[in-house]
Amino acid sequence: MLNAAAQVSAAEALAFLARQCLPPTPQNYTLAFIALTEPKSEIGRAVNAITDGGVRIRQGEADEIVQLYAGSTPQSEGDPHKAERDALRHQTIKLGEMASNAAAATSSFTRDLSAEAESFDAEEARTVQIVTRMIERSRRAEDELTAAVKQVDALRQELESARDDAERDQLTSLGNRRAIDRHLQKLAEKGRTRVIGICDIDNFKSVNDRFGHGVGDRVLKLVATSLAESCAPHFVGRWGGEEFVVIMDNATHDEGVKLLDTARADLSVRKLKLRENDQPLGVISFSAGVASTDGDHAANIAAIHRADASLYRAKAGGRNLVLAA
């Protein structure tokens, strides 16, 4: 049950709506209740600015005040497509939060109206009927909002899964070239110093030729796992074919070379056996080139070219080497 002051405010809110010739919908009731009980709030000042002097507030004006109070942005007169672009920029998680908040607010509103209905005298039967209808509508809206929350959450999970799939290499589960580009772009926008290492498995073509692509895929998975573990927590992705990229955030040039040399040594002690005869495949190694940058995205591309050039120098120098640009 509400206290006496709240009951008076509720009755005043209904009376206010009657004076303004506005229907006692949940939204209008909330507008009136806040305007009367919190006159210094944003919604209270907006309502008072219109009704000061005895002017009635129109339904369209009431709706606009509620929208502004909820934080929506009015459409710019000079740009008719601004609202569409703004809507596209909203992430699905934001929609879920808004729907959840709306559902919670509707539930609270329903409970308040139920308490109000219980406090009315028998002589106020007509008012009770009005509030009862409002409660029923509010409950229906609450059920619809709850269903919307579930739908939005499911959509968000689908979108996150689709984006993850689009940026993940299916064989190794590492980030693919799109994910690599995205990560480098993000670091460039933040102005972070980064070291880029390009690793290429030594003699990989001969592995495919001698043992088949099934064994080649196992080698790719082994190298991916070894690099990810040795270079953690830094980003590791598959550049394509038998090439991998390691991006070391906020690392020095020398630290990048040292880390990849450690990763090269870690890989050399991993053993892979042929399933057909349980014979060891032999030592698996990679060659790598390293370059660093702290510039924009164009600097990323230049650093990749420098790292690639160092990689080929390592190949020409006998393989199983890490060389810096």
Protein backbone atom coordinates (compact mmCIF):
# COMPACT_ATOMS: atom_id res chain seq x y z
CA MET A 1 0.00 0.00 0.00
CA LEU A 2 1.19 3.52 -0.77
CA ASN A 3 1.34 6.19 1.91
CA ALA A 4 -1.18 9.02 2.08
CA ALA A 5 1.04 11.48 0.19
CA ALA A 6 1.53 9.04 -2.67
CA GLN A 7 -2.18 8.33 -2.82
CA VAL A 8 -2.91 12.04 -3.10
CA SER A 9 -0.32 12.36 -5.86
CA ALA A 10 -1.87 9.46 -7.76
CA ALA A 11 -5.29 11.05 -7.55
CA GLU A 12 -3.81 14.40 -8.59
CA ALA A 13 -2.10 12.76 -11.56
CA LEU A 14 -5.43 11.35 -12.78
CA ALA A 15 -7.05 14.74 -12.22
CA PHE A 16 -4.24 16.42 -14.14
CA LEU A 17 -4.79 14.11 -17.11
CA ALA A 18 -8.51 14.84 -17.00
CA ARG A 19 -7.85 18.61 -17.06
CA GLN A 20 -5.46 18.19 -19.99
CA CYS A 21 -7.95 15.95 -21.85
CA LEU A 22 -5.32 13.22 -22.06
CA PRO A 23 -6.27 9.52 -21.81
CA PRO A 24 -5.04 7.78 -18.59
CA THR A 25 -2.55 5.53 -20.36
CA PRO A 26 0.45 4.20 -18.40
CA GLN A 27 2.77 6.60 -20.26
CA ASN A 28 0.54 9.65 -19.65
CA TYR A 29 0.00 8.66 -16.00
CA THR A 30 3.77 8.40 -15.50
CA LEU A 31 4.28 11.78 -17.18
CA ALA A 32 1.69 13.43 -14.91
CA PHE A 33 2.88 11.71 -11.74
CA ILE A 34 6.52 12.77 -12.26
CA ALA A 35 5.57 16.29 -13.31
CA LEU A 36 3.52 16.74 -10.10
CA THR A 37 5.83 14.98 -7.63
CA GLU A 38 9.17 16.10 -9.14
CA PRO A 39 8.55 19.57 -10.62
CA LYS A 40 12.30 20.33 -10.79
CA SER A 41 13.09 17.23 -12.84
CA GLU A 42 13.62 17.46 -16.61
CA ILE A 43 10.15 16.15 -17.33
CA GLY A 44 8.62 18.39 -14.66
CA ARG A 45 10.19 21.54 -16.11
CA ALA A 46 9.18 20.57 -19.66
CA VAL A 47 5.54 19.99 -18.70
CA ASN A 48 5.40 23.20 -16.67
CA ALA A 49 6.83 25.21 -19.56
CA ILE A 50 3.88 24.14 -21.73
CA THR A 51 1.06 24.23 -19.17
CA ASP A 52 2.10 27.46 -17.44
CA GLY A 53 -0.73 29.96 -17.90
CA GLY A 54 -3.45 27.33 -18.26
CA VAL A 55 -2.44 26.01 -21.69
CA ARG A 56 -3.31 22.37 -22.26
CA ILE A 57 -0.56 19.96 -23.25
CA ARG A 58 -1.30 17.99 -26.42
CA GLN A 59 -0.71 14.26 -26.75
CA GLY A 60 2.07 14.77 -29.29
CA GLU A 61 3.87 17.14 -26.90
CA ALA A 62 3.47 14.66 -24.05
CA ASP A 63 4.92 11.86 -26.18
CA GLU A 64 7.85 14.05 -27.21
CA ILE A 65 8.64 14.91 -23.58
CA VAL A 66 8.66 11.25 -22.59
CA GLN A 67 10.96 10.42 -25.53
CA LEU A 68 13.35 13.23 -24.60
CA TYR A 69 13.29 12.18 -20.95
CA ALA A 70 14.22 8.63 -22.03
CA GLY A 71 17.28 10.02 -23.83
CA SER A 72 16.27 9.72 -27.50
CA THR A 73 17.74 12.22 -29.91
CA PRO A 74 15.40 14.30 -32.10
CA GLN A 75 16.00 14.18 -35.86
CA SER A 76 18.12 16.97 -37.27
CA GLU A 77 16.24 19.26 -39.65
CA GLY A 78 19.26 19.56 -41.90
CA ASP A 79 19.85 15.85 -42.21
CA PRO A 80 16.72 13.71 -42.76
CA HIS A 81 18.76 10.48 -42.71
CA LYS A 82 20.53 11.18 -39.42
CA ALA A 83 18.04 9.17 -37.38
CA GLU A 84 18.54 6.12 -39.63
CA ARG A 85 22.32 6.32 -39.31
CA ASP A 86 22.10 6.76 -35.56
CA ALA A 87 19.88 3.70 -35.29
CA LEU A 88 22.37 1.63 -37.29
CA ARG A 89 25.17 2.65 -34.92
CA HIS A 90 23.34 1.23 -31.90
CA GLN A 91 24.70 -2.17 -30.95
CA THR A 92 22.32 -5.02 -30.22
CA ILE A 93 23.45 -5.18 -26.62
CA LYS A 94 22.19 -1.63 -26.15
CA LEU A 95 18.79 -2.70 -27.43
CA GLY A 96 18.77 -5.52 -24.94
CA GLU A 97 19.56 -3.15 -22.08
CA MET A 98 16.83 -0.75 -23.14
CA ALA A 99 14.25 -3.52 -23.39
CA SER A 100 15.27 -4.92 -20.00
CA ASN A 101 15.02 -1.50 -18.38
CA ALA A 102 11.63 -0.91 -19.99
CA ALA A 103 10.38 -4.28 -18.78
CA ALA A 104 11.54 -3.54 -15.24
CA ALA A 105 9.93 -0.11 -15.30
CA THR A 106 6.65 -1.54 -16.61
CA SER A 107 6.65 -4.20 -13.90
CA SER A 108 7.18 -1.55 -11.21
CA PHE A 109 4.45 0.60 -12.73
CA THR A 110 2.02 -2.33 -12.68
CA ARG A 111 2.69 -2.95 -8.99
CA ASP A 112 2.18 0.73 -8.18
CA LEU A 113 -1.13 0.83 -10.04
CA SER A 114 -2.28 -2.34 -8.28
CA ALA A 115 -1.52 -0.76 -4.92
CA GLU A 116 -3.39 2.39 -5.95
CA ALA A 117 -6.46 0.39 -6.96
CA GLU A 118 -6.57 -1.32 -3.57
CA SER A 119 -6.57 2.07 -1.80
CA PHE A 120 -9.66 3.51 -3.55
CA ASP A 121 -13.02 3.66 -1.75
CA ALA A 122 -16.10 1.93 -3.09
CA GLU A 123 -17.53 5.29 -4.14
CA GLU A 124 -14.70 5.68 -6.61
CA ALA A 125 -15.78 2.69 -8.67
CA ARG A 126 -15.36 4.44 -11.99
CA THR A 127 -11.80 5.46 -11.18
CA VAL A 128 -11.05 1.91 -10.07
CA GLN A 129 -12.33 0.62 -13.41
CA ILE A 130 -10.06 3.03 -15.25
CA VAL A 131 -7.02 2.05 -13.22
CA THR A 132 -7.90 -1.66 -13.58
CA ARG A 133 -7.89 -1.32 -17.35
CA MET A 134 -4.57 0.49 -17.11
CA ILE A 135 -3.16 -2.35 -15.02
CA GLU A 136 -4.30 -4.92 -17.57
CA ARG A 137 -2.72 -2.97 -20.42
CA SER A 138 0.46 -2.52 -18.40
CA ARG A 139 0.67 -6.25 -17.72
CA ARG A 140 0.22 -7.05 -21.39
CA ALA A 141 2.97 -4.57 -22.24
CA GLU A 142 5.20 -6.18 -19.60
CA ASP A 143 4.71 -9.63 -21.16
CA GLU A 144 5.49 -8.23 -24.61
CA LEU A 145 8.63 -6.49 -23.36
CA THR A 146 9.81 -9.67 -21.63
CA ALA A 147 9.40 -11.55 -24.91
CA ALA A 148 11.26 -8.75 -26.72
CA VAL A 149 14.17 -9.02 -24.27
CA LYS A 150 14.52 -12.74 -25.08
CA GLN A 151 14.36 -12.10 -28.82
CA VAL A 152 16.95 -9.31 -28.66
CA ASP A 153 19.27 -11.46 -26.54
CA ALA A 154 18.99 -14.32 -29.05
CA LEU A 155 19.69 -11.92 -31.91
CA ARG A 156 22.71 -10.50 -30.12
CA GLN A 157 24.15 -13.98 -29.63
CA GLU A 158 23.58 -14.81 -33.30
CA LEU A 159 25.30 -11.60 -34.41
CA GLU A 160 28.27 -12.14 -32.09
CA SER A 161 28.60 -15.74 -33.29
CA ALA A 162 28.42 -14.68 -36.95
CA ARG A 163 31.08 -12.01 -36.47
CA ASP A 164 33.30 -14.45 -34.61
CA ASP A 165 32.93 -17.02 -37.40
CA ALA A 166 33.72 -14.40 -40.04
CA GLU A 167 37.01 -13.54 -38.32
CA ARG A 168 38.17 -17.01 -37.32
CA ASP A 169 40.22 -19.53 -39.28
CA GLN A 170 38.23 -22.77 -39.33
CA LEU A 171 41.21 -25.12 -39.27
CA THR A 172 43.31 -23.56 -36.48
CA SER A 173 40.64 -21.50 -34.63
CA LEU A 174 43.03 -18.53 -34.72
CA GLY A 175 41.99 -15.14 -36.02
CA ASN A 176 42.06 -14.98 -39.82
CA ARG A 177 43.40 -12.22 -42.06
CA ARG A 178 40.32 -10.08 -41.48
CA ALA A 179 40.82 -10.34 -37.72
CA ILE A 180 44.50 -9.48 -38.11
CA ASP A 181 43.69 -6.35 -40.11
CA ARG A 182 41.03 -5.35 -37.60
CA HIS A 183 43.40 -5.77 -34.65
CA LEU A 184 46.17 -3.78 -36.32
CA GLN A 185 43.72 -1.01 -37.23
CA LYS A 186 42.52 -0.82 -33.63
CA LEU A 187 46.06 -0.50 -32.28
CA ALA A 188 46.87 2.15 -34.89
CA GLU A 189 43.83 4.20 -33.88
CA LYS A 190 44.97 4.05 -30.25
CA GLY A 191 48.52 5.07 -31.21
CA ARG A 192 49.99 1.98 -29.58
CA THR A 193 53.53 0.79 -30.27
CA ARG A 194 53.40 -2.68 -31.81
CA VAL A 195 55.76 -5.36 -33.06
CA ILE A 196 54.65 -7.51 -35.99
CA GLY A 197 56.11 -10.94 -36.58
CA ILE A 198 55.44 -13.07 -39.67
CA CYS A 199 56.19 -16.79 -39.25
CA ASP A 200 56.39 -19.32 -42.08
CA ILE A 201 56.62 -23.09 -41.49
CA ASP A 202 59.84 -24.47 -42.93
CA ASN A 203 59.60 -27.07 -45.74
CA PHE A 204 55.83 -27.26 -45.42
CA LYS A 205 55.31 -28.11 -49.10
CA SER A 206 57.44 -31.22 -48.75
CA VAL A 207 55.29 -32.35 -45.79
CA ASN A 208 52.16 -32.12 -47.93
CA ASP A 209 53.87 -33.81 -50.86
CA ARG A 210 55.27 -36.71 -48.81
CA PHE A 211 52.46 -37.36 -46.31
CA GLY A 212 49.35 -35.71 -47.75
CA HIS A 213 47.20 -32.76 -46.77
CA GLY A 214 45.79 -34.56 -43.73
CA VAL A 215 49.22 -34.56 -42.09
CA GLY A 216 49.78 -31.01 -43.34
CA ASP A 217 46.63 -29.89 -41.54
CA ARG A 218 47.86 -31.53 -38.33
CA VAL A 219 51.15 -29.64 -38.66
CA LEU A 220 49.27 -26.35 -39.13
CA LYS A 221 47.20 -27.02 -36.00
CA LEU A 222 50.30 -27.94 -34.00
CA VAL A 223 52.15 -24.75 -35.02
CA ALA A 224 49.04 -22.64 -34.30
CA THR A 225 48.70 -24.11 -30.82
CA SER A 226 52.41 -23.76 -30.07
CA LEU A 227 52.54 -20.11 -31.19
CA ALA A 228 49.40 -19.19 -29.26
CA GLU A 229 50.76 -20.72 -26.06
CA SER A 230 54.29 -19.37 -26.40
CA CYS A 231 53.23 -15.85 -27.36
CA ALA A 232 50.30 -15.44 -24.96
CA PRO A 233 48.77 -13.00 -24.19
CA HIS A 234 49.70 -11.41 -27.53
CA PHE A 235 47.54 -11.75 -30.64
CA VAL A 236 48.27 -14.68 -32.96
CA GLY A 237 46.50 -15.16 -36.28
CA ARG A 238 46.77 -17.20 -39.44
CA TRP A 239 47.89 -15.00 -42.32
CA GLY A 240 47.19 -17.67 -44.93
CA GLY A 241 48.64 -20.98 -46.11
CA GLU A 242 51.50 -21.90 -43.78
CA GLU A 243 52.07 -18.31 -42.58
CA PHE A 244 51.12 -16.92 -39.18
CA VAL A 245 51.23 -13.41 -37.73
CA VAL A 246 52.05 -12.44 -34.15
CA ILE A 247 51.17 -8.90 -33.01
CA MET A 248 52.85 -7.78 -29.80
CA ASP A 249 51.13 -4.78 -28.25
CA ASN A 250 53.26 -2.23 -26.39
CA ALA A 251 56.47 -4.27 -26.88
CA THR A 252 59.93 -3.16 -27.96
CA HIS A 253 61.66 -4.37 -31.10
CA ASP A 254 64.12 -6.49 -29.11
CA GLU A 255 61.32 -7.97 -26.97
CA GLY A 256 59.50 -9.02 -30.12
CA VAL A 257 62.55 -10.81 -31.53
CA LYS A 258 63.20 -12.53 -28.21
CA LEU A 259 59.62 -13.72 -27.85
CA LEU A 260 59.48 -15.22 -31.35
CA ASP A 261 62.86 -16.89 -30.86
CA THR A 262 61.49 -18.48 -27.68
CA ALA A 263 58.39 -19.60 -29.59
CA ARG A 264 60.64 -21.11 -32.28
CA ALA A 265 62.53 -23.09 -29.63
CA ASP A 266 59.29 -24.24 -27.98
CA LEU A 267 58.00 -25.59 -31.30
CA SER A 268 61.19 -27.55 -31.96
CA VAL A 269 60.61 -29.82 -28.93
CA ARG A 270 57.02 -30.70 -29.86
CA LYS A 271 56.64 -34.16 -31.38
CA LEU A 272 54.22 -35.25 -34.08
CA LYS A 273 53.85 -38.88 -35.12
CA LEU A 274 52.33 -40.40 -38.23
CA ARG A 275 49.11 -42.21 -37.38
CA GLU A 276 49.70 -44.96 -39.90
CA ASN A 277 52.94 -46.33 -38.40
CA ASP A 278 53.47 -44.24 -35.25
CA GLN A 279 56.75 -42.94 -36.66
CA PRO A 280 57.92 -39.43 -35.64
CA LEU A 281 57.51 -36.79 -38.31
CA GLY A 282 60.71 -35.06 -37.29
CA VAL A 283 61.46 -31.54 -36.10
CA ILE A 284 58.98 -28.89 -37.16
CA SER A 285 60.34 -25.37 -37.36
CA PHE A 286 59.50 -21.95 -38.70
CA SER A 287 61.36 -18.91 -39.94
CA ALA A 288 60.23 -15.43 -38.94
CA GLY A 289 60.70 -11.77 -39.77
CA VAL A 290 60.04 -8.99 -37.25
CA ALA A 291 59.31 -5.27 -37.65
CA SER A 292 57.89 -2.61 -35.34
CA THR A 293 55.84 0.56 -35.79
CA ASP A 294 53.84 3.14 -33.87
CA GLY A 295 52.25 4.96 -36.81
CA ASP A 296 48.87 4.85 -38.52
CA HIS A 297 47.35 1.99 -40.50
CA ALA A 298 49.59 2.80 -43.48
CA ALA A 299 52.52 2.24 -41.13
CA ASN A 300 51.09 -1.20 -40.36
CA ILE A 301 51.28 -2.13 -44.03
CA ALA A 302 54.84 -0.83 -44.29
CA ALA A 303 55.85 -2.82 -41.19
CA ILE A 304 54.33 -5.99 -42.64
CA HIS A 305 56.39 -5.53 -45.81
CA ARG A 306 59.56 -5.07 -43.73
CA ALA A 307 58.78 -8.15 -41.62
CA ASP A 308 58.09 -10.14 -44.80
CA ALA A 309 61.44 -9.10 -46.28
CA SER A 310 63.21 -10.21 -43.08
CA LEU A 311 61.34 -13.51 -43.22
CA TYR A 312 62.72 -14.27 -46.68
CA ARG A 313 66.20 -13.35 -45.52
CA ALA A 314 65.76 -15.93 -42.72
CA LYS A 315 64.65 -18.51 -45.30
CA ALA A 316 67.65 -17.75 -47.48
CA GLY A 317 69.93 -17.88 -44.43
CA GLY A 318 69.15 -21.53 -43.72
CA ARG A 319 65.65 -21.44 -42.14
CA ASN A 320 64.68 -21.94 -38.50
CA LEU A 321 65.74 -18.33 -37.82
CA VAL A 322 64.17 -15.12 -36.50
CA LEU A 323 65.51 -11.95 -38.15
CA ALA A 324 64.52 -8.31 -37.59
CA ALA A 325 64.02 -5.55 -40.15
